[in-house]
């Protein structure tokens, strides 16, 4: 068997794995290999972040023209929308990603990687050939995650997130089970493509966000003709002639979903109830590990885990942040140094690209109170800033800050409204930098921009938050 040796070996070639490899060896003279069994660039590039946003943005633009006098109302052109998606995923061709990796000095090893011992990975190529890849310094697991499909749904061959973003055949009737980000975003583009969409959510929509955020998205989905049942449990699923027809194609005959609201018939079912770390068939037992050891961080010093595989928030930007830290640690350790990391833990921002958008970071009000903080909450309509009000004639949504009453430090922020994704980074910086709100008041917001919402929120706080807290 051929044996190859590198300083660092990364199993998984998504953006997280790419970052880990790059940061570990960049400027060091070390070598790194990325092992990837599918497309280099991973879930984000081909089946998640990029295609979903490529589908959603034209829909948002069309919605804006419908509520903006002075411009002709646009419509969504179905064929062109899917062609835009195909362009953004490079027609599922990863040659551009491979070119980037090789230009950065990273070797690409095609195939499925499994640990076979200390710092050793056996890679089986698509044609069945094996190669042994050894790491002189470190191995990084960056294998991502996969949709959670309980056994009672498996026989119906439901769609997963790949089918939704890679849609080829638009079902006349689509049932979506779930109330999270994938469910809410997919409901928007599938409805725009002409599908009659029904969403079944066990509890409220966007359950990890502030309640007012989910309520705004619920109202918006219903306005665009999506049927949404909240507080609805699914008790069974049956399908006539299920068939593995390929990604984005209707997987067989009609589907009947039994729920606490009665039976619902559809042409396709999208299951969007969460994701699980992809840790199966990774050879963990060869080094005395279980999947729980990986997600709990109980790893030998040469083995690292980043991204969805770590069991943390399944967000590309969070995984890339972890990868940069791990890469820097590996490089520093080889040089006999310690990589710099801030004392304050990084908050994880998230954006839901529905209409209205939902952007949040840090703790919700409930999480802050549960953590023992005495908090003050300030909330204003998104339309309170002229910059936001100018975006549309009817601006939905609210914005909220959660502030620690003793320290005046920002604990969390939630923005709901048009294009609020661009507001959340300021809140992230404030939390990471430990900037109290009496100092934030002196960050001048440009007029007329949506950033004025910061001024409105800070002005809404009690007067004593305009000066430092008493010692």
Foldseek 3Di string as FASTA:
>chain_A
DAEAEFQEEEEAQALLSLLLQLLQPPPPPGAYEYEHAFARNPCCQQQPVQLLVLLQVVLVVLVLQVFAPPDDRDADDQVVSLVSSCVSSVVRDRPVVCVVCVVSRYHYHYAHWADQADQWIWGQHPVGDIYIYGHNFAYEYEHAWFADDDPQCVVQVAAESRLLSNADDQWQEEEEEAQEQSRLSSLSSSVSSNHAYEYEYLAFHNVQAPNQQSVLSVVVSVVSRYHYDHNKAWDHKDFPQAACPDRNDQGGAKMWIQIPVGIDITSGYYYHHDIAAPDPPRNQVSHPDDLVCQLVVVDPPRYYYFAVSNVPDNDPVRRSVVSSQSSNQSNQVVVVHGDDDDPDDQWDWDWRSHAFIKIKTFHDPVRCVVVPFDKDKFKDFLVPAVQQCNSGVDWGWMKMWIARPAFQQTGMIMTTTHPCNVVVVVNSCSNSVRPGLLRVCPPDDDPRHSNCVSNVRSVRDDPVSNDGHDD
